[in-house]
Amino acid sequence: MVLWLKGYRIVARRLRTPRGEIDIIARRQTILAIVEVKARRHAYDAAGAVSARQRQRLEQAASTFLARKPTYASHSVRFDVVIVAPWQLPRHVTDAWRSGL
């Protein structure tokens, strides 16, 4: 919902690839956001919850998705995180890390 309110169009949810799963793929203009959703009891716990191994899997899954969907070849790929915690609004962290994609 937070992405939709910011003008993103959801391209895919829970996309499974042989290299990993992507929670959300969203597009806004020429930006393609690969989004990992983290739900924790406290928002500060979720902020650091994407490990280096998870980032690598997400990057590989994004690479597989882009190879299958050449229509997004001209888009800038960005890795974001949405943090969900009870009694708080979801928080969208843009450009959470950089990749070589």
N, C-alpha and C. Protein backbone atom coordinates (compact mmCIF):
# COMPACT_ATOMS: atom_id res chain seq x y z
N MET A 1 0.81 -1.19 0.00
CA MET A 1 0.00 0.00 0.00
C MET A 1 0.85 1.26 0.00
N VAL A 2 1.94 1.24 0.78
CA VAL A 2 2.81 2.42 0.86
C VAL A 2 3.43 2.72 -0.50
N LEU A 3 3.75 1.72 -1.27
CA LEU A 3 4.32 1.93 -2.60
C LEU A 3 3.28 2.52 -3.54
N TRP A 4 2.08 2.02 -3.48
CA TRP A 4 1.01 2.50 -4.33
C TRP A 4 0.74 3.98 -4.07
N LEU A 5 0.74 4.37 -2.79
CA LEU A 5 0.52 5.77 -2.43
C LEU A 5 1.64 6.69 -2.93
N LYS A 6 2.83 6.13 -3.13
CA LYS A 6 3.95 6.91 -3.64
C LYS A 6 4.01 6.92 -5.17
N GLY A 7 3.03 6.31 -5.82
CA GLY A 7 2.97 6.35 -7.27
C GLY A 7 3.59 5.16 -7.98
N TYR A 8 3.89 4.10 -7.25
CA TYR A 8 4.46 2.91 -7.86
C TYR A 8 3.34 2.01 -8.39
N ARG A 9 3.64 1.32 -9.44
CA ARG A 9 2.72 0.31 -9.98
C ARG A 9 3.33 -1.05 -9.67
N ILE A 10 2.56 -1.92 -9.03
CA ILE A 10 3.07 -3.24 -8.66
C ILE A 10 3.10 -4.13 -9.90
N VAL A 11 4.28 -4.62 -10.22
CA VAL A 11 4.49 -5.48 -11.39
C VAL A 11 4.32 -6.94 -11.01
N ALA A 12 4.83 -7.32 -9.82
CA ALA A 12 4.74 -8.71 -9.37
C ALA A 12 4.81 -8.76 -7.85
N ARG A 13 4.18 -9.79 -7.30
CA ARG A 13 4.25 -10.07 -5.86
C ARG A 13 4.64 -11.52 -5.67
N ARG A 14 5.47 -11.75 -4.66
CA ARG A 14 5.91 -13.12 -4.32
C ARG A 14 6.40 -13.87 -5.55
N LEU A 15 7.25 -13.25 -6.30
CA LEU A 15 7.77 -13.84 -7.52
C LEU A 15 8.85 -14.87 -7.17
N ARG A 16 8.61 -16.10 -7.56
CA ARG A 16 9.58 -17.17 -7.31
C ARG A 16 10.39 -17.42 -8.58
N THR A 17 11.69 -17.47 -8.40
CA THR A 17 12.60 -17.81 -9.49
C THR A 17 13.47 -18.96 -8.99
N PRO A 18 14.16 -19.63 -9.88
CA PRO A 18 15.08 -20.69 -9.42
C PRO A 18 16.18 -20.17 -8.50
N ARG A 19 16.44 -18.87 -8.54
CA ARG A 19 17.53 -18.29 -7.76
C ARG A 19 17.07 -17.60 -6.48
N GLY A 20 15.75 -17.55 -6.24
CA GLY A 20 15.25 -16.92 -5.03
C GLY A 20 13.88 -16.30 -5.24
N GLU A 21 13.33 -15.76 -4.18
CA GLU A 21 12.01 -15.14 -4.23
C GLU A 21 12.12 -13.64 -4.01
N ILE A 22 11.30 -12.90 -4.76
CA ILE A 22 11.23 -11.45 -4.61
C ILE A 22 9.85 -11.14 -4.06
N ASP A 23 9.80 -10.40 -2.95
CA ASP A 23 8.52 -10.08 -2.34
C ASP A 23 7.66 -9.20 -3.25
N ILE A 24 8.22 -8.08 -3.72
CA ILE A 24 7.48 -7.15 -4.58
C ILE A 24 8.42 -6.59 -5.64
N ILE A 25 7.90 -6.48 -6.85
CA ILE A 25 8.58 -5.72 -7.90
C ILE A 25 7.62 -4.59 -8.26
N ALA A 26 8.12 -3.36 -8.15
CA ALA A 26 7.28 -2.20 -8.42
C ALA A 26 7.98 -1.28 -9.41
N ARG A 27 7.16 -0.56 -10.20
CA ARG A 27 7.72 0.34 -11.21
C ARG A 27 7.12 1.73 -11.04
N ARG A 28 7.99 2.72 -11.16
CA ARG A 28 7.55 4.11 -11.23
C ARG A 28 8.42 4.80 -12.27
N GLN A 29 7.78 5.23 -13.34
CA GLN A 29 8.46 5.81 -14.50
C GLN A 29 9.53 4.85 -14.99
N THR A 30 10.80 5.22 -14.92
CA THR A 30 11.87 4.33 -15.42
C THR A 30 12.63 3.63 -14.30
N ILE A 31 12.05 3.60 -13.11
CA ILE A 31 12.69 2.92 -11.97
C ILE A 31 11.96 1.62 -11.72
N LEU A 32 12.71 0.55 -11.61
CA LEU A 32 12.18 -0.76 -11.26
C LEU A 32 12.72 -1.08 -9.86
N ALA A 33 11.83 -1.11 -8.89
CA ALA A 33 12.23 -1.36 -7.50
C ALA A 33 12.01 -2.82 -7.14
N ILE A 34 13.07 -3.46 -6.71
CA ILE A 34 13.01 -4.82 -6.19
C ILE A 34 12.89 -4.65 -4.68
N VAL A 35 11.76 -5.07 -4.11
CA VAL A 35 11.45 -4.73 -2.72
C VAL A 35 11.42 -5.97 -1.85
N GLU A 36 12.15 -5.91 -0.76
CA GLU A 36 12.13 -6.94 0.27
C GLU A 36 11.27 -6.39 1.42
N VAL A 37 10.29 -7.16 1.86
CA VAL A 37 9.42 -6.74 2.96
C VAL A 37 9.88 -7.45 4.23
N LYS A 38 10.12 -6.68 5.27
CA LYS A 38 10.55 -7.23 6.54
C LYS A 38 9.57 -6.84 7.63
N ALA A 39 8.99 -7.82 8.29
CA ALA A 39 8.07 -7.58 9.39
C ALA A 39 8.74 -8.04 10.69
N ARG A 40 8.77 -7.16 11.63
CA ARG A 40 9.38 -7.45 12.93
C ARG A 40 8.53 -6.82 14.03
N ARG A 41 8.79 -7.23 15.23
CA ARG A 41 8.07 -6.68 16.38
C ARG A 41 8.38 -5.19 16.54
N HIS A 42 9.63 -4.81 16.29
CA HIS A 42 10.05 -3.41 16.39
C HIS A 42 10.68 -3.00 15.06
N ALA A 43 10.39 -1.80 14.61
CA ALA A 43 10.90 -1.33 13.32
C ALA A 43 12.42 -1.31 13.28
N TYR A 44 13.06 -0.98 14.39
CA TYR A 44 14.52 -0.92 14.39
C TYR A 44 15.15 -2.30 14.21
N ASP A 45 14.44 -3.38 14.56
CA ASP A 45 14.93 -4.73 14.33
C ASP A 45 14.91 -5.08 12.85
N ALA A 46 13.92 -4.58 12.14
CA ALA A 46 13.76 -4.91 10.72
C ALA A 46 14.75 -4.16 9.85
N ALA A 47 15.21 -3.02 10.30
CA ALA A 47 16.09 -2.18 9.48
C ALA A 47 17.36 -2.92 9.05
N GLY A 48 17.94 -3.72 9.91
CA GLY A 48 19.15 -4.45 9.57
C GLY A 48 18.92 -5.92 9.28
N ALA A 49 17.70 -6.29 8.97
CA ALA A 49 17.34 -7.69 8.84
C ALA A 49 17.67 -8.32 7.49
N VAL A 50 18.10 -7.54 6.52
CA VAL A 50 18.45 -8.09 5.21
C VAL A 50 19.95 -8.39 5.22
N SER A 51 20.26 -9.67 5.31
CA SER A 51 21.66 -10.09 5.40
C SER A 51 22.34 -10.01 4.03
N ALA A 52 23.64 -10.14 4.04
CA ALA A 52 24.41 -10.12 2.79
C ALA A 52 23.99 -11.28 1.89
N ARG A 53 23.71 -12.42 2.48
CA ARG A 53 23.27 -13.58 1.70
C ARG A 53 21.90 -13.33 1.06
N GLN A 54 20.99 -12.72 1.80
CA GLN A 54 19.67 -12.39 1.24
C GLN A 54 19.80 -11.36 0.11
N ARG A 55 20.67 -10.38 0.31
CA ARG A 55 20.88 -9.38 -0.75
C ARG A 55 21.40 -10.05 -2.02
N GLN A 56 22.32 -10.98 -1.86
CA GLN A 56 22.86 -11.68 -3.02
C GLN A 56 21.78 -12.50 -3.72
N ARG A 57 20.94 -13.19 -2.95
CA ARG A 57 19.84 -13.97 -3.54
C ARG A 57 18.85 -13.06 -4.27
N LEU A 58 18.53 -11.91 -3.68
CA LEU A 58 17.61 -10.97 -4.33
C LEU A 58 18.20 -10.44 -5.63
N GLU A 59 19.48 -10.15 -5.62
CA GLU A 59 20.14 -9.67 -6.84
C GLU A 59 20.11 -10.73 -7.93
N GLN A 60 20.35 -11.99 -7.56
CA GLN A 60 20.31 -13.07 -8.53
C GLN A 60 18.89 -13.28 -9.06
N ALA A 61 17.90 -13.21 -8.17
CA ALA A 61 16.50 -13.36 -8.59
C ALA A 61 16.10 -12.20 -9.51
N ALA A 62 16.56 -11.00 -9.19
CA ALA A 62 16.26 -9.84 -10.04
C ALA A 62 16.89 -10.01 -11.42
N SER A 63 18.09 -10.53 -11.45
CA SER A 63 18.77 -10.78 -12.72
C SER A 63 17.97 -11.77 -13.57
N THR A 64 17.46 -12.82 -12.94
CA THR A 64 16.63 -13.81 -13.64
C THR A 64 15.36 -13.17 -14.17
N PHE A 65 14.71 -12.35 -13.35
CA PHE A 65 13.48 -11.65 -13.77
C PHE A 65 13.76 -10.76 -14.98
N LEU A 66 14.84 -9.99 -14.92
CA LEU A 66 15.17 -9.08 -16.02
C LEU A 66 15.51 -9.82 -17.30
N ALA A 67 16.11 -10.99 -17.17
CA ALA A 67 16.41 -11.80 -18.36
C ALA A 67 15.14 -12.31 -19.01
N ARG A 68 14.11 -12.57 -18.20
CA ARG A 68 12.84 -13.06 -18.72
C ARG A 68 11.94 -11.95 -19.25
N LYS A 69 12.16 -10.73 -18.79
CA LYS A 69 11.31 -9.59 -19.16
C LYS A 69 12.14 -8.48 -19.79
N PRO A 70 12.47 -8.60 -21.07
CA PRO A 70 13.31 -7.59 -21.71
C PRO A 70 12.66 -6.21 -21.81
N THR A 71 11.35 -6.11 -21.57
CA THR A 71 10.69 -4.80 -21.61
C THR A 71 11.21 -3.87 -20.52
N TYR A 72 11.83 -4.42 -19.47
CA TYR A 72 12.36 -3.61 -18.38
C TYR A 72 13.87 -3.37 -18.51
N ALA A 73 14.45 -3.71 -19.64
CA ALA A 73 15.90 -3.58 -19.82
C ALA A 73 16.38 -2.14 -19.71
N SER A 74 15.55 -1.19 -20.09
CA SER A 74 15.97 0.21 -20.05
C SER A 74 15.70 0.87 -18.69
N HIS A 75 15.09 0.15 -17.76
CA HIS A 75 14.78 0.71 -16.45
C HIS A 75 16.01 0.67 -15.53
N SER A 76 16.07 1.62 -14.63
CA SER A 76 17.08 1.61 -13.57
C SER A 76 16.58 0.69 -12.47
N VAL A 77 17.40 -0.26 -12.06
CA VAL A 77 17.01 -1.21 -11.02
C VAL A 77 17.51 -0.70 -9.67
N ARG A 78 16.61 -0.76 -8.70
CA ARG A 78 16.93 -0.29 -7.36
C ARG A 78 16.43 -1.33 -6.35
N PHE A 79 17.14 -1.48 -5.26
CA PHE A 79 16.75 -2.43 -4.22
C PHE A 79 16.25 -1.66 -3.00
N ASP A 80 14.99 -1.89 -2.65
CA ASP A 80 14.34 -1.19 -1.54
C ASP A 80 13.92 -2.18 -0.48
N VAL A 81 13.59 -1.66 0.70
CA VAL A 81 13.06 -2.46 1.79
C VAL A 81 11.83 -1.75 2.33
N VAL A 82 10.79 -2.52 2.62
CA VAL A 82 9.61 -1.99 3.32
C VAL A 82 9.60 -2.65 4.69
N ILE A 83 9.60 -1.81 5.72
CA ILE A 83 9.63 -2.28 7.10
C ILE A 83 8.22 -2.20 7.67
N VAL A 84 7.76 -3.32 8.20
CA VAL A 84 6.41 -3.40 8.77
C VAL A 84 6.55 -3.80 10.24
N ALA A 85 5.92 -3.00 11.11
CA ALA A 85 5.94 -3.28 12.55
C ALA A 85 4.55 -2.98 13.10
N PRO A 86 4.13 -3.71 14.13
CA PRO A 86 2.80 -3.47 14.70
C PRO A 86 2.64 -2.03 15.19
N TRP A 87 1.47 -1.50 14.99
CA TRP A 87 1.07 -0.18 15.46
C TRP A 87 1.88 0.96 14.84
N GLN A 88 2.52 0.70 13.71
CA GLN A 88 3.28 1.73 13.00
C GLN A 88 2.93 1.67 11.53
N LEU A 89 3.03 2.81 10.88
CA LEU A 89 2.84 2.81 9.44
C LEU A 89 4.04 2.12 8.78
N PRO A 90 3.83 1.42 7.67
CA PRO A 90 4.97 0.81 6.97
C PRO A 90 5.96 1.89 6.55
N ARG A 91 7.23 1.55 6.60
CA ARG A 91 8.28 2.50 6.23
C ARG A 91 9.01 1.99 4.99
N HIS A 92 9.10 2.84 3.97
CA HIS A 92 9.73 2.49 2.71
C HIS A 92 11.15 3.06 2.70
N VAL A 93 12.14 2.17 2.66
CA VAL A 93 13.54 2.58 2.59
C VAL A 93 13.98 2.44 1.14
N THR A 94 14.18 3.56 0.47
CA THR A 94 14.58 3.52 -0.94
C THR A 94 16.09 3.32 -1.05
N ASP A 95 16.47 2.62 -2.10
CA ASP A 95 17.88 2.40 -2.41
C ASP A 95 18.64 1.87 -1.18
N ALA A 96 18.12 0.79 -0.62
CA ALA A 96 18.68 0.22 0.60
C ALA A 96 20.11 -0.29 0.42
N TRP A 97 20.42 -0.76 -0.80
CA TRP A 97 21.80 -1.16 -1.13
C TRP A 97 21.98 -1.07 -2.63
N ARG A 98 23.23 -1.05 -3.04
CA ARG A 98 23.57 -0.96 -4.48
C ARG A 98 24.00 -2.31 -5.00
N SER A 99 23.71 -2.50 -6.28
CA SER A 99 24.06 -3.75 -6.95
C SER A 99 24.71 -3.43 -8.29
N GLY A 100 25.32 -4.40 -8.88
CA GLY A 100 25.95 -4.21 -10.17
C GLY A 100 25.00 -4.42 -11.35
N LEU A 101 23.69 -4.58 -11.10
CA LEU A 101 22.73 -4.80 -12.18
C LEU A 101 22.60 -3.60 -13.07
